[in-house]
C-alpha cells in the first residue's frame, strides 16, 4: 500500500478505488501529472446525521458502477497529483472498469463547484475530458 497514491495511512487490506479524472495539459509540462481522486466506502457518513452529511458527494451504488462495493466520491476531498507514467506502471493498481460519459459529466460538475480543486486542475480535467469526446463542459 505504500506505493498507492494518497495520504500516508495504513489501510491493511482495505481496497481503495481511484477515479482517473485527467492529466496536466500545459504543453511541454513535464512530468505529466495524472489527477485522480479516491472514493470511500463510509457511505453512512454522508447520510442524514452522518459526520459528512453536509458534504457534496456522488454515491456509486454497487452493481451500477465498476466498484465491488457501494462507495462515495467526496467533492470536499483534495484530488491527488501523481506522475502519469508511474501510475500507469504501478503493479499495485488494477483497472476495474470505465465510467460512462454521463457519469464523468456529473463528476466534473461536482468538481467545478468544489473548493478543493484549483482552477488549473479544473481546466486540466475539462481539457482531458474534451480530448476523449466529452464536450460542452463549464469553463
C-alpha atoms as a PDB file:
ATOM      1  CA  UNK A   1       0.000   0.000   0.000  1.00  0.00           C
ATOM      2  CA  UNK A   2       2.949   2.380   0.398  1.00  0.00           C
ATOM      3  CA  UNK A   3       3.139   2.778  -3.389  1.00  0.00           C
ATOM      4  CA  UNK A   4      -0.515   3.691  -3.814  1.00  0.00           C
ATOM      5  CA  UNK A   5      -1.200   7.408  -4.170  1.00  0.00           C
ATOM      6  CA  UNK A   6      -2.939   9.061  -1.289  1.00  0.00           C
ATOM      7  CA  UNK A   7      -2.385  10.059   2.281  1.00  0.00           C
ATOM      8  CA  UNK A   8       0.167   8.065   4.275  1.00  0.00           C
ATOM      9  CA  UNK A   9      -2.271   5.941   6.258  1.00  0.00           C
ATOM     10  CA  UNK A  10      -2.368   2.241   6.998  1.00  0.00           C
ATOM     11  CA  UNK A  11      -5.355   0.596   5.407  1.00  0.00           C
ATOM     12  CA  UNK A  12      -4.425  -3.041   5.932  1.00  0.00           C
ATOM     13  CA  UNK A  13      -6.093  -4.984   3.154  1.00  0.00           C
ATOM     14  CA  UNK A  14      -8.752  -2.342   2.581  1.00  0.00           C
ATOM     15  CA  UNK A  15      -9.475  -1.753  -1.072  1.00  0.00           C
ATOM     16  CA  UNK A  16      -9.238   1.794  -2.428  1.00  0.00           C
ATOM     17  CA  UNK A  17     -10.824   2.841  -5.680  1.00  0.00           C
ATOM     18  CA  UNK A  18      -9.445   5.746  -7.642  1.00  0.00           C
ATOM     19  CA  UNK A  19     -11.074   7.688 -10.421  1.00  0.00           C
ATOM     20  CA  UNK A  20      -8.773   8.972 -13.131  1.00  0.00           C
ATOM     21  CA  UNK A  21     -10.015  12.476 -13.877  1.00  0.00           C
ATOM     22  CA  UNK A  22      -7.457  13.649 -16.423  1.00  0.00           C
ATOM     23  CA  UNK A  23      -3.913  14.939 -16.621  1.00  0.00           C
ATOM     24  CA  UNK A  24      -1.893  18.126 -16.931  1.00  0.00           C
ATOM     25  CA  UNK A  25      -2.475  19.689 -20.326  1.00  0.00           C
ATOM     26  CA  UNK A  26       0.032  22.538 -20.459  1.00  0.00           C
ATOM     27  CA  UNK A  27       2.327  21.965 -23.474  1.00  0.00           C
ATOM     28  CA  UNK A  28       5.844  20.849 -22.535  1.00  0.00           C
ATOM     29  CA  UNK A  29       4.947  20.476 -18.850  1.00  0.00           C
ATOM     30  CA  UNK A  30       6.963  17.564 -17.513  1.00  0.00           C
ATOM     31  CA  UNK A  31       6.353  15.244 -15.908  1.00  0.00           C
ATOM     32  CA  UNK A  32       2.753  14.802 -16.947  1.00  0.00           C
ATOM     33  CA  UNK A  33       0.683  14.553 -13.778  1.00  0.00           C
ATOM     34  CA  UNK A  34      -2.472  12.486 -13.536  1.00  0.00           C
ATOM     35  CA  UNK A  35      -5.296  13.981 -11.496  1.00  0.00           C
ATOM     36  CA  UNK A  36      -7.030  11.253  -9.529  1.00  0.00           C
ATOM     37  CA  UNK A  37      -9.482  11.131  -6.668  1.00  0.00           C
ATOM     38  CA  UNK A  38     -10.318   8.355  -4.272  1.00  0.00           C
ATOM     39  CA  UNK A  39     -13.624   7.026  -3.052  1.00  0.00           C
ATOM     40  CA  UNK A  40     -14.659   5.873   0.385  1.00  0.00           C
ATOM     41  CA  UNK A  41     -16.950   3.049   1.433  1.00  0.00           C
ATOM     42  CA  UNK A  42     -18.026   5.016   4.532  1.00  0.00           C
ATOM     43  CA  UNK A  43     -21.365   5.772   2.878  1.00  0.00           C
ATOM     44  CA  UNK A  44     -23.224   6.265   6.182  1.00  0.00           C
ATOM     45  CA  UNK A  45     -21.043   9.311   6.936  1.00  0.00           C
ATOM     46  CA  UNK A  46     -22.761  11.121   4.048  1.00  0.00           C
ATOM     47  CA  UNK A  47     -26.320  10.288   5.058  1.00  0.00           C
ATOM     48  CA  UNK A  48     -28.513  12.452   7.289  1.00  0.00           C
ATOM     49  CA  UNK A  49     -26.906  12.694  10.713  1.00  0.00           C
ATOM     50  CA  UNK A  50     -23.519  11.489   9.438  1.00  0.00           C
ATOM     51  CA  UNK A  51     -20.335  13.438  10.066  1.00  0.00           C
ATOM     52  CA  UNK A  52     -20.068  14.345   6.355  1.00  0.00           C
ATOM     53  CA  UNK A  53     -23.785  14.823   5.682  1.00  0.00           C
ATOM     54  CA  UNK A  54     -23.203  18.435   4.598  1.00  0.00           C
ATOM     55  CA  UNK A  55     -20.562  17.466   2.001  1.00  0.00           C
ATOM     56  CA  UNK A  56     -21.397  17.497  -1.695  1.00  0.00           C
ATOM     57  CA  UNK A  57     -20.776  13.984  -2.959  1.00  0.00           C
ATOM     58  CA  UNK A  58     -21.631  11.357  -5.533  1.00  0.00           C
ATOM     59  CA  UNK A  59     -22.724   7.921  -4.340  1.00  0.00           C
ATOM     60  CA  UNK A  60     -21.838   4.964  -6.549  1.00  0.00           C
ATOM     61  CA  UNK A  61     -24.330   2.172  -5.979  1.00  0.00           C
ATOM     62  CA  UNK A  62     -22.989  -1.375  -6.103  1.00  0.00           C
ATOM     63  CA  UNK A  63     -23.869  -3.062  -9.382  1.00  0.00           C
ATOM     64  CA  UNK A  64     -24.329   0.152 -11.357  1.00  0.00           C
ATOM     65  CA  UNK A  65     -20.627   1.034 -11.475  1.00  0.00           C
ATOM     66  CA  UNK A  66     -17.388  -0.968 -11.725  1.00  0.00           C
ATOM     67  CA  UNK A  67     -16.799  -0.892  -7.943  1.00  0.00           C
ATOM     68  CA  UNK A  68     -17.171  -4.017  -5.787  1.00  0.00           C
ATOM     69  CA  UNK A  69     -18.989  -2.105  -3.030  1.00  0.00           C
ATOM     70  CA  UNK A  70     -21.137   0.967  -2.674  1.00  0.00           C
ATOM     71  CA  UNK A  71     -18.819   3.944  -2.341  1.00  0.00           C
ATOM     72  CA  UNK A  72     -18.755   7.734  -2.346  1.00  0.00           C
ATOM     73  CA  UNK A  73     -16.765  10.437  -4.104  1.00  0.00           C
ATOM     74  CA  UNK A  74     -16.500  13.363  -1.665  1.00  0.00           C
ATOM     75  CA  UNK A  75     -16.028  16.641  -3.551  1.00  0.00           C
ATOM     76  CA  UNK A  76     -14.586  18.220  -0.387  1.00  0.00           C
ATOM     77  CA  UNK A  77     -11.561  15.893  -0.568  1.00  0.00           C
ATOM     78  CA  UNK A  78      -8.475  17.182  -2.350  1.00  0.00           C
ATOM     79  CA  UNK A  79      -7.510  15.399  -5.572  1.00  0.00           C
ATOM     80  CA  UNK A  80      -4.122  13.724  -5.899  1.00  0.00           C
ATOM     81  CA  UNK A  81      -1.481  14.581  -8.491  1.00  0.00           C
ATOM     82  CA  UNK A  82       0.580  11.541  -9.383  1.00  0.00           C
ATOM     83  CA  UNK A  83       3.124  11.110 -12.179  1.00  0.00           C
ATOM     84  CA  UNK A  84       1.120   9.617 -15.034  1.00  0.00           C
ATOM     85  CA  UNK A  85       3.935   7.270 -16.092  1.00  0.00           C
ATOM     86  CA  UNK A  86       4.296   5.966 -12.519  1.00  0.00           C
ATOM     87  CA  UNK A  87       0.553   5.488 -12.206  1.00  0.00           C
ATOM     88  CA  UNK A  88       0.391   3.522 -15.459  1.00  0.00           C
ATOM     89  CA  UNK A  89       3.282   1.261 -14.454  1.00  0.00           C
ATOM     90  CA  UNK A  90       2.201   0.677 -10.835  1.00  0.00           C
ATOM     91  CA  UNK A  91       1.516  -3.049 -10.435  1.00  0.00           C
ATOM     92  CA  UNK A  92      -0.482  -2.426  -7.252  1.00  0.00           C
ATOM     93  CA  UNK A  93      -3.177  -0.663  -9.255  1.00  0.00           C
ATOM     94  CA  UNK A  94      -5.709  -2.740 -11.157  1.00  0.00           C
ATOM     95  CA  UNK A  95      -8.011  -1.239 -13.781  1.00  0.00           C
ATOM     96  CA  UNK A  96     -11.556  -2.089 -12.666  1.00  0.00           C
ATOM     97  CA  UNK A  97     -13.535  -0.549 -15.484  1.00  0.00           C
ATOM     98  CA  UNK A  98     -14.636   2.673 -17.106  1.00  0.00           C
ATOM     99  CA  UNK A  99     -17.232   5.197 -16.026  1.00  0.00           C
ATOM    100  CA  UNK A 100     -19.564   6.292 -18.813  1.00  0.00           C
ATOM    101  CA  UNK A 101     -19.560   9.791 -20.285  1.00  0.00           C
ATOM    102  CA  UNK A 102     -22.666  10.882 -18.376  1.00  0.00           C
ATOM    103  CA  UNK A 103     -21.117   9.844 -15.050  1.00  0.00           C
ATOM    104  CA  UNK A 104     -17.926  11.730 -15.925  1.00  0.00           C
ATOM    105  CA  UNK A 105     -20.056  14.809 -16.690  1.00  0.00           C
ATOM    106  CA  UNK A 106     -21.711  14.537 -13.262  1.00  0.00           C
ATOM    107  CA  UNK A 107     -18.295  14.150 -11.616  1.00  0.00           C
ATOM    108  CA  UNK A 108     -16.971  17.191 -13.481  1.00  0.00           C
ATOM    109  CA  UNK A 109     -19.971  19.294 -12.407  1.00  0.00           C
ATOM    110  CA  UNK A 110     -19.230  18.413  -8.775  1.00  0.00           C
ATOM    111  CA  UNK A 111     -15.555  19.245  -9.256  1.00  0.00           C
ATOM    112  CA  UNK A 112     -16.417  22.528 -10.982  1.00  0.00           C
ATOM    113  CA  UNK A 113     -18.227  23.772  -7.864  1.00  0.00           C
ATOM    114  CA  UNK A 114     -15.758  22.258  -5.383  1.00  0.00           C
ATOM    115  CA  UNK A 115     -13.338  24.481  -3.494  1.00  0.00           C
ATOM    116  CA  UNK A 116     -10.899  21.579  -3.128  1.00  0.00           C
ATOM    117  CA  UNK A 117      -9.821  21.742  -6.779  1.00  0.00           C
ATOM    118  CA  UNK A 118      -7.714  24.625  -8.077  1.00  0.00           C
ATOM    119  CA  UNK A 119      -8.742  26.444 -11.248  1.00  0.00           C
ATOM    120  CA  UNK A 120      -5.707  24.922 -13.026  1.00  0.00           C
ATOM    121  CA  UNK A 121      -6.710  21.368 -12.084  1.00  0.00           C
ATOM    122  CA  UNK A 122     -10.313  22.021 -13.114  1.00  0.00           C
ATOM    123  CA  UNK A 123      -9.099  23.251 -16.517  1.00  0.00           C
ATOM    124  CA  UNK A 124      -6.790  20.220 -16.907  1.00  0.00           C
ATOM    125  CA  UNK A 125      -9.698  17.879 -16.158  1.00  0.00           C
ATOM    126  CA  UNK A 126     -12.029  19.758 -18.521  1.00  0.00           C
ATOM    127  CA  UNK A 127      -9.452  19.646 -21.337  1.00  0.00           C
ATOM    128  CA  UNK A 128      -8.766  15.940 -20.728  1.00  0.00           C
ATOM    129  CA  UNK A 129     -12.475  15.134 -20.877  1.00  0.00           C
ATOM    130  CA  UNK A 130     -12.839  17.141 -24.083  1.00  0.00           C
ATOM    131  CA  UNK A 131      -9.961  15.159 -25.607  1.00  0.00           C
ATOM    132  CA  UNK A 132     -11.961  11.941 -25.121  1.00  0.00           C
ATOM    133  CA  UNK A 133     -15.108  13.428 -26.638  1.00  0.00           C
ATOM    134  CA  UNK A 134     -16.943  14.789 -23.593  1.00  0.00           C
ATOM    135  CA  UNK A 135     -17.852  18.276 -24.801  1.00  0.00           C
ATOM    136  CA  UNK A 136     -19.913  21.202 -23.533  1.00  0.00           C
ATOM    137  CA  UNK A 137     -18.472  21.342 -20.012  1.00  0.00           C
ATOM    138  CA  UNK A 138     -18.433  24.565 -17.980  1.00  0.00           C
ATOM    139  CA  UNK A 139     -15.275  26.684 -18.116  1.00  0.00           C
END
